[in-house]
Amino acid sequence: MLYYAVIFLIIALVAGALGFGGIAGASAGIAQIIFYVFLALLLISLIASIIRRA
């Protein structure tokens, strides 16, 4: 999932450099959402593993 966030970030950077503002904004928004979902799933996984050990 983090891989897809990085891919969308790269697409946003390239689109921004080429002057495609709408595509760059959309790609950056998607990358940000995917990154936050990744962080939430990481925290849930860490908490679950701590609870299982106890």
C-alpha atoms as a PDB file:
ATOM      1  CA  MET A   1       0.000   0.000   0.000  1.00  0.00           C
ATOM      2  CA  LEU A   2       2.867   2.340   0.731  1.00  0.00           C
ATOM      3  CA  TYR A   3       4.152   1.492  -2.752  1.00  0.00           C
ATOM      4  CA  TYR A   4       0.968   2.883  -4.313  1.00  0.00           C
ATOM      5  CA  ALA A   5       1.204   6.051  -2.239  1.00  0.00           C
ATOM      6  CA  VAL A   6       4.731   6.612  -3.540  1.00  0.00           C
ATOM      7  CA  ILE A   7       3.610   5.937  -7.133  1.00  0.00           C
ATOM      8  CA  PHE A   8       0.796   8.504  -6.875  1.00  0.00           C
ATOM      9  CA  LEU A   9       3.228  10.982  -5.315  1.00  0.00           C
ATOM     10  CA  ILE A  10       5.604  10.546  -8.250  1.00  0.00           C
ATOM     11  CA  ILE A  11       2.729  10.999 -10.699  1.00  0.00           C
ATOM     12  CA  ALA A  12       1.744  14.188  -8.878  1.00  0.00           C
ATOM     13  CA  LEU A  13       5.287  15.546  -9.014  1.00  0.00           C
ATOM     14  CA  VAL A  14       5.659  14.807 -12.726  1.00  0.00           C
ATOM     15  CA  ALA A  15       2.242  16.250 -13.547  1.00  0.00           C
ATOM     16  CA  GLY A  16       3.001  19.355 -11.503  1.00  0.00           C
ATOM     17  CA  ALA A  17       6.325  19.830 -13.273  1.00  0.00           C
ATOM     18  CA  LEU A  18       4.612  19.549 -16.666  1.00  0.00           C
ATOM     19  CA  GLY A  19       1.923  22.045 -15.714  1.00  0.00           C
ATOM     20  CA  PHE A  20      -1.066  19.747 -15.313  1.00  0.00           C
ATOM     21  CA  GLY A  21      -2.426  21.248 -12.099  1.00  0.00           C
ATOM     22  CA  GLY A  22      -5.662  19.275 -11.893  1.00  0.00           C
ATOM     23  CA  ILE A  23      -4.008  15.901 -12.347  1.00  0.00           C
ATOM     24  CA  ALA A  24      -1.223  16.821  -9.931  1.00  0.00           C
ATOM     25  CA  GLY A  25      -3.697  17.863  -7.248  1.00  0.00           C
ATOM     26  CA  ALA A  26      -5.793  14.736  -7.655  1.00  0.00           C
ATOM     27  CA  SER A  27      -2.760  12.438  -7.564  1.00  0.00           C
ATOM     28  CA  ALA A  28      -1.358  14.167  -4.506  1.00  0.00           C
ATOM     29  CA  GLY A  29      -4.715  13.840  -2.749  1.00  0.00           C
ATOM     30  CA  ILE A  30      -4.924  10.133  -3.550  1.00  0.00           C
ATOM     31  CA  ALA A  31      -1.339   9.594  -2.364  1.00  0.00           C
ATOM     32  CA  GLN A  32      -2.109  11.374   0.896  1.00  0.00           C
ATOM     33  CA  ILE A  33      -5.239   9.295   1.539  1.00  0.00           C
ATOM     34  CA  ILE A  34      -3.433   6.020   0.798  1.00  0.00           C
ATOM     35  CA  PHE A  35      -0.570   7.037   3.091  1.00  0.00           C
ATOM     36  CA  TYR A  36      -2.931   7.774   5.986  1.00  0.00           C
ATOM     37  CA  VAL A  37      -4.726   4.462   5.462  1.00  0.00           C
ATOM     38  CA  PHE A  38      -1.322   2.748   5.542  1.00  0.00           C
ATOM     39  CA  LEU A  39      -0.446   4.463   8.825  1.00  0.00           C
ATOM     40  CA  ALA A  40      -3.795   3.513  10.374  1.00  0.00           C
ATOM     41  CA  LEU A  41      -3.372  -0.140   9.371  1.00  0.00           C
ATOM     42  CA  LEU A  42       0.190  -0.124  10.703  1.00  0.00           C
ATOM     43  CA  LEU A  43      -0.960   1.171  14.092  1.00  0.00           C
ATOM     44  CA  ILE A  44      -3.793  -1.360  14.255  1.00  0.00           C
ATOM     45  CA  SER A  45      -1.343  -4.153  13.433  1.00  0.00           C
ATOM     46  CA  LEU A  46       1.115  -3.013  16.096  1.00  0.00           C
ATOM     47  CA  ILE A  47      -1.584  -2.769  18.753  1.00  0.00           C
ATOM     48  CA  ALA A  48      -2.943  -6.196  17.837  1.00  0.00           C
ATOM     49  CA  SER A  49       0.497  -7.778  18.083  1.00  0.00           C
ATOM     50  CA  ILE A  50       1.088  -6.194  21.510  1.00  0.00           C
ATOM     51  CA  ILE A  51      -2.275  -7.476  22.756  1.00  0.00           C
ATOM     52  CA  ARG A  52      -1.556 -11.010  21.470  1.00  0.00           C
ATOM     53  CA  ARG A  53       1.741 -11.175  23.342  1.00  0.00           C
ATOM     54  CA  ALA A  54       0.088 -10.251  26.631  1.00  0.00           C
END
